[in-house]
């Protein structure tokens, strides 16, 4: 079996609501890139990378040039057993993991189809029958965020990400977390996300003010060390996101105890595959 064709589509995805985040960042449309690998036996594999603006060092329009550069390695190659081809891709083009993510996913898709197994079986097996979803609430007036949380809960959502810091107002952020928690009641997971936009001082002040509301904090500061300082000062659970991007950062987050939860988006899935296969 050989790969005979690569096809790419750039698709704009516009959110129903503009997301306002810390440090004046906002996001209303993201561009996702969908990849199809076709083989000479008729089996096709699909992958996707969807870089989020202001989030990671990844650029949607950089994916096609990177894969075009890799075309001599990809075309004519055997797609079954993704690690072998991805090792060649890494040697040919250093870095650009976000662009290679779509390729990695598509290769796994083909491998699973050839094996006649669901992809989950190749990645360790299905551990649960249902997948909990979270609703990301744009950073607007606290009362409006609470209403959004109520509506999302009615639809079945049980986790709520509360964006913080858009107006650089600690008291408003405290109100956002308190009102969302009160709106959804005890039990559901509620966490405040600064997207690296808070100082450790501001995150500690907000965290201590809501410590009695069963809140988790997500990536308040730019570094893992500063996030660890916030956790130590507040006693709140901590979720890593932007700082969790490779094997070393995941191990460091675990060592410092700030990885009660961790986010891996599709741009990090290639990193995740390296972790599960031993890395290089």
Protein backbone atom coordinates (compact mmCIF):
# COMPACT_ATOMS: atom_id res chain seq x y z
CA UNK A 1 0.00 0.00 0.00
CA UNK A 2 1.33 3.43 -0.98
CA UNK A 3 0.12 7.00 -0.50
CA UNK A 4 -0.75 8.47 -3.89
CA UNK A 5 -2.42 11.82 -3.14
CA UNK A 6 -2.68 14.55 -0.47
CA UNK A 7 -5.66 16.89 -0.43
CA UNK A 8 -6.17 19.88 1.88
CA UNK A 9 -9.16 22.05 2.71
CA UNK A 10 -9.12 25.32 4.67
CA UNK A 11 -12.46 25.76 6.44
CA UNK A 12 -13.41 28.86 8.51
CA UNK A 13 -15.28 28.05 11.72
CA UNK A 14 -17.18 31.00 13.17
CA UNK A 15 -18.33 30.86 16.75
CA UNK A 16 -21.83 31.85 17.75
CA UNK A 17 -20.26 34.22 20.29
CA UNK A 18 -16.97 36.10 20.18
CA UNK A 19 -14.66 34.84 22.92
CA UNK A 20 -13.02 37.57 24.96
CA UNK A 21 -9.94 36.57 26.92
CA UNK A 22 -7.22 38.09 29.08
CA UNK A 23 -4.76 40.66 27.74
CA UNK A 24 -7.26 41.97 25.18
CA UNK A 25 -7.28 38.77 23.15
CA UNK A 26 -10.43 37.75 21.33
CA UNK A 27 -11.50 35.01 18.93
CA UNK A 28 -14.59 34.72 16.76
CA UNK A 29 -13.36 32.68 13.77
CA UNK A 30 -10.73 29.97 13.54
CA UNK A 31 -9.49 28.31 10.38
CA UNK A 32 -9.33 24.54 10.49
CA UNK A 33 -7.29 22.55 8.00
CA UNK A 34 -8.56 19.13 6.93
CA UNK A 35 -6.20 16.64 5.28
CA UNK A 36 -7.07 13.56 3.24
CA UNK A 37 -4.44 10.93 2.35
CA UNK A 38 -5.45 8.63 -0.50
CA UNK A 39 -3.75 5.31 -1.13
CA UNK A 40 -3.37 3.15 -4.22
CA UNK A 41 -5.71 0.56 -2.68
CA UNK A 42 -8.62 2.97 -2.21
CA UNK A 43 -8.22 3.35 1.55
CA UNK A 44 -8.21 7.00 2.67
CA UNK A 45 -7.21 8.57 5.96
CA UNK A 46 -8.40 11.87 7.36
CA UNK A 47 -6.70 14.28 9.75
CA UNK A 48 -7.28 17.81 10.99
CA UNK A 49 -5.40 20.65 12.64
CA UNK A 50 -7.25 23.69 13.96
CA UNK A 51 -4.88 26.35 15.34
CA UNK A 52 -6.59 28.81 17.69
CA UNK A 53 -5.48 32.46 17.43
CA UNK A 54 -3.38 33.75 20.38
CA UNK A 55 -3.08 30.23 21.77
CA UNK A 56 -0.07 28.24 20.53
CA UNK A 57 2.82 28.86 18.10
CA UNK A 58 0.78 27.47 15.23
CA UNK A 59 -0.53 29.08 12.06
CA UNK A 60 -3.27 27.60 9.88
CA UNK A 61 -1.77 28.97 6.66
CA UNK A 62 1.58 27.39 7.54
CA UNK A 63 0.20 23.86 7.39
CA UNK A 64 -0.09 23.55 3.60
CA UNK A 65 3.48 24.77 2.89
CA UNK A 66 4.86 22.39 5.54
CA UNK A 67 3.02 19.40 4.07
CA UNK A 68 4.03 20.47 0.56
CA UNK A 69 7.63 20.44 1.75
CA UNK A 70 7.06 16.93 3.13
CA UNK A 71 5.38 15.66 -0.06
CA UNK A 72 8.54 13.87 -1.33
CA UNK A 73 8.60 11.90 1.93
CA UNK A 74 4.86 11.23 2.08
CA UNK A 75 3.98 10.35 -1.52
CA UNK A 76 4.82 6.77 -2.33
CA UNK A 77 5.31 5.87 1.33
CA UNK A 78 3.61 3.04 3.20
CA UNK A 79 1.08 4.66 5.57
CA UNK A 80 0.57 1.65 7.85
CA UNK A 81 2.45 2.02 11.15
CA UNK A 82 2.57 5.83 11.54
CA UNK A 83 5.74 5.99 13.67
CA UNK A 84 8.01 4.92 10.79
CA UNK A 85 6.80 7.58 8.36
CA UNK A 86 6.60 10.28 11.05
CA UNK A 87 10.25 9.59 11.97
CA UNK A 88 11.21 10.23 8.33
CA UNK A 89 9.09 13.39 8.31
CA UNK A 90 10.82 14.65 11.46
CA UNK A 91 14.23 14.04 9.93
CA UNK A 92 13.27 15.77 6.68
CA UNK A 93 11.55 18.80 8.25
CA UNK A 94 12.52 19.69 11.82
CA UNK A 95 9.75 21.10 14.00
CA UNK A 96 6.34 22.25 12.74
CA UNK A 97 4.58 19.68 14.96
CA UNK A 98 1.23 21.45 14.52
CA UNK A 99 1.35 20.86 10.76
CA UNK A 100 2.48 17.25 11.18
CA UNK A 101 -0.41 16.62 13.58
CA UNK A 102 -2.92 16.33 10.72
CA UNK A 103 -0.60 13.92 8.93
CA UNK A 104 -0.15 11.81 12.05
CA UNK A 105 -3.92 11.56 12.60
CA UNK A 106 -4.54 10.61 8.96
CA UNK A 107 -1.91 7.86 9.11
CA UNK A 108 -3.47 6.40 12.24
CA UNK A 109 -6.86 6.50 10.51
CA UNK A 110 -5.52 4.46 7.59
CA UNK A 111 -3.74 2.02 9.90
CA UNK A 112 -6.92 1.39 11.88
CA UNK A 113 -8.95 0.83 8.70
CA UNK A 114 -6.41 -1.64 7.34
CA UNK A 115 -6.39 -3.47 10.68
CA UNK A 116 -10.19 -3.56 10.68
CA UNK A 117 -10.24 -2.04 14.15
CA UNK A 118 -11.57 1.18 15.65
CA UNK A 119 -8.79 3.73 16.07
CA UNK A 120 -9.35 3.69 19.83
CA UNK A 121 -8.18 0.05 19.91
CA UNK A 122 -4.79 1.03 18.45
CA UNK A 123 -4.40 3.85 20.97
CA UNK A 124 -4.92 1.70 24.04
CA UNK A 125 -8.61 0.89 23.94
CA UNK A 126 -11.81 2.67 24.86
CA UNK A 127 -11.76 3.49 28.58
CA UNK A 128 -15.25 4.95 28.88
CA UNK A 129 -18.52 4.96 26.95
CA UNK A 130 -19.28 8.66 27.30
CA UNK A 131 -17.09 11.73 26.86
CA UNK A 132 -17.70 14.71 29.16
CA UNK A 133 -17.83 18.06 27.36
CA UNK A 134 -17.16 21.52 28.72
CA UNK A 135 -18.66 24.85 27.72
CA UNK A 136 -16.22 27.72 27.31
CA UNK A 137 -17.87 30.95 28.48
CA UNK A 138 -16.65 34.20 26.96
CA UNK A 139 -15.39 36.83 29.41
CA UNK A 140 -18.25 39.33 29.58
CA UNK A 141 -20.42 40.66 32.42
CA UNK A 142 -20.57 38.17 35.34
CA UNK A 143 -24.40 38.00 35.29
CA UNK A 144 -24.44 37.23 31.57
CA UNK A 145 -21.84 34.49 32.00
CA UNK A 146 -23.99 32.90 34.70
CA UNK A 147 -26.96 32.86 32.31
CA UNK A 148 -24.85 31.21 29.62
CA UNK A 149 -23.80 28.56 32.13
CA UNK A 150 -27.44 27.86 33.05
CA UNK A 151 -28.40 27.39 29.40
CA UNK A 152 -25.43 25.11 28.77
CA UNK A 153 -26.27 23.02 31.81
CA UNK A 154 -29.80 22.47 30.56
CA UNK A 155 -28.32 21.02 27.36
CA UNK A 156 -26.38 18.45 29.40
CA UNK A 157 -23.02 20.16 29.93
CA UNK A 158 -21.36 19.32 33.25
CA UNK A 159 -18.09 21.26 32.99
CA UNK A 160 -17.79 25.03 32.66
CA UNK A 161 -14.71 26.99 31.64
CA UNK A 162 -15.01 30.60 32.77
CA UNK A 163 -12.81 32.96 30.78
CA UNK A 164 -11.18 35.60 32.99
CA UNK A 165 -9.11 38.74 32.76
CA UNK A 166 -10.59 40.47 29.70
CA UNK A 167 -11.15 43.67 31.66
CA UNK A 168 -8.19 43.25 34.05
CA UNK A 169 -10.63 43.48 36.97
CA UNK A 170 -10.05 41.04 39.81
CA UNK A 171 -13.36 41.82 41.50
CA UNK A 172 -15.22 41.12 38.25
CA UNK A 173 -13.33 37.84 37.86
CA UNK A 174 -14.25 36.84 41.41
CA UNK A 175 -17.90 37.59 40.63
CA UNK A 176 -17.71 35.59 37.39
CA UNK A 177 -16.53 32.47 39.19
CA UNK A 178 -18.93 32.83 42.10
CA UNK A 179 -21.99 33.49 39.95
CA UNK A 180 -21.27 30.65 37.53
CA UNK A 181 -20.77 28.25 40.44
CA UNK A 182 -24.04 29.40 42.03
CA UNK A 183 -25.83 29.13 38.67
CA UNK A 184 -24.86 25.47 38.06
CA UNK A 185 -24.93 24.36 41.69
CA UNK A 186 -22.72 21.88 43.48
CA UNK A 187 -21.18 19.00 41.54
CA UNK A 188 -20.34 20.29 38.04
CA UNK A 189 -16.72 21.23 37.39
CA UNK A 190 -16.14 24.99 37.20
CA UNK A 191 -12.74 26.45 36.38
CA UNK A 192 -11.38 29.90 35.65
CA UNK A 193 -9.09 30.30 32.64
CA UNK A 194 -6.77 33.28 32.12
CA UNK A 195 -4.97 31.77 29.09
CA UNK A 196 -1.60 32.75 30.62
CA UNK A 197 -2.82 36.35 31.06
CA UNK A 198 -2.64 36.78 34.85
CA UNK A 199 0.22 37.65 37.14
CA UNK A 200 0.70 35.22 39.99
CA UNK A 201 -0.40 38.00 42.38
CA UNK A 202 -3.73 38.56 40.62
CA UNK A 203 -4.38 34.84 40.22
CA UNK A 204 -3.66 34.25 43.92
CA UNK A 205 -5.97 37.07 44.98
CA UNK A 206 -8.82 35.78 42.82
CA UNK A 207 -8.18 32.17 43.76
CA UNK A 208 -8.21 32.85 47.49
CA UNK A 209 -11.45 34.83 47.17
CA UNK A 210 -13.28 31.88 45.57
CA UNK A 211 -11.59 29.08 47.51
CA UNK A 212 -14.87 28.23 49.25
CA UNK A 213 -16.71 27.82 45.92
CA UNK A 214 -15.08 24.58 44.68
CA UNK A 215 -13.22 26.17 41.78
CA UNK A 216 -10.32 24.90 39.66
CA UNK A 217 -7.88 27.29 37.98
CA UNK A 218 -6.60 26.84 34.43
CA UNK A 219 -3.25 28.14 33.19
CA UNK A 220 -3.32 31.50 34.99
CA UNK A 221 0.31 32.44 34.28
CA UNK A 222 2.84 32.22 31.48
CA UNK A 223 5.10 29.67 33.16
CA UNK A 224 4.61 26.36 34.94
CA UNK A 225 6.61 27.70 37.89
CA UNK A 226 4.26 30.67 38.35
CA UNK A 227 1.24 28.37 38.06
CA UNK A 228 2.76 26.21 40.79
CA UNK A 229 3.15 29.31 42.97
CA UNK A 230 -0.55 30.06 42.51
CA UNK A 231 -1.59 26.54 43.41
CA UNK A 232 0.59 26.51 46.52
CA UNK A 233 -0.86 29.84 47.69
CA UNK A 234 -4.52 29.04 46.98
CA UNK A 235 -4.77 25.30 47.52
CA UNK A 236 -6.96 25.06 44.40
CA UNK A 237 -6.75 22.35 41.76
CA UNK A 238 -4.81 23.40 38.65
CA UNK A 239 -5.21 22.58 34.97
CA UNK A 240 -2.36 23.13 32.51
CA UNK A 241 -2.99 24.10 28.91
CA UNK A 242 -0.63 26.31 26.90
CA UNK A 243 2.44 25.18 28.86
CA UNK A 244 1.73 21.48 28.23
CA UNK A 245 3.14 21.04 24.75
CA UNK A 246 5.85 18.36 24.86
CA UNK A 247 7.17 15.49 26.94
CA UNK A 248 9.42 17.68 29.09
CA UNK A 249 6.67 20.20 29.94
CA UNK A 250 4.20 17.44 30.86
CA UNK A 251 6.75 15.82 33.16
CA UNK A 252 7.59 19.19 34.73
CA UNK A 253 3.91 19.98 35.30
CA UNK A 254 3.44 16.61 36.96
CA UNK A 255 6.57 17.08 39.09
CA UNK A 256 5.37 20.46 40.35
CA UNK A 257 1.88 19.14 41.05
CA UNK A 258 0.00 21.51 38.75
CA UNK A 259 -1.44 18.90 36.41
CA UNK A 260 -4.65 17.86 38.13
CA UNK A 261 -5.95 18.16 34.57
CA UNK A 262 -4.27 18.90 31.26
CA UNK A 263 -5.51 20.08 27.86
CA UNK A 264 -4.24 18.54 24.63
CA UNK A 265 -5.85 19.99 21.51
CA UNK A 266 -5.49 18.56 18.00
CA UNK A 267 -2.29 20.56 17.48
CA UNK A 268 -0.81 18.64 20.40
CA UNK A 269 -2.02 15.19 19.39
CA UNK A 270 1.23 14.41 17.59
CA UNK A 271 2.99 15.17 20.87
CA UNK A 272 0.57 12.82 22.62
CA UNK A 273 1.38 10.04 20.17
CA UNK A 274 5.07 10.45 20.93
CA UNK A 275 4.32 10.05 24.61
CA UNK A 276 2.35 6.84 24.13
CA UNK A 277 4.96 5.28 21.83
CA UNK A 278 8.00 6.14 23.89
CA UNK A 279 9.04 9.35 22.14
CA UNK A 280 12.22 10.05 20.20
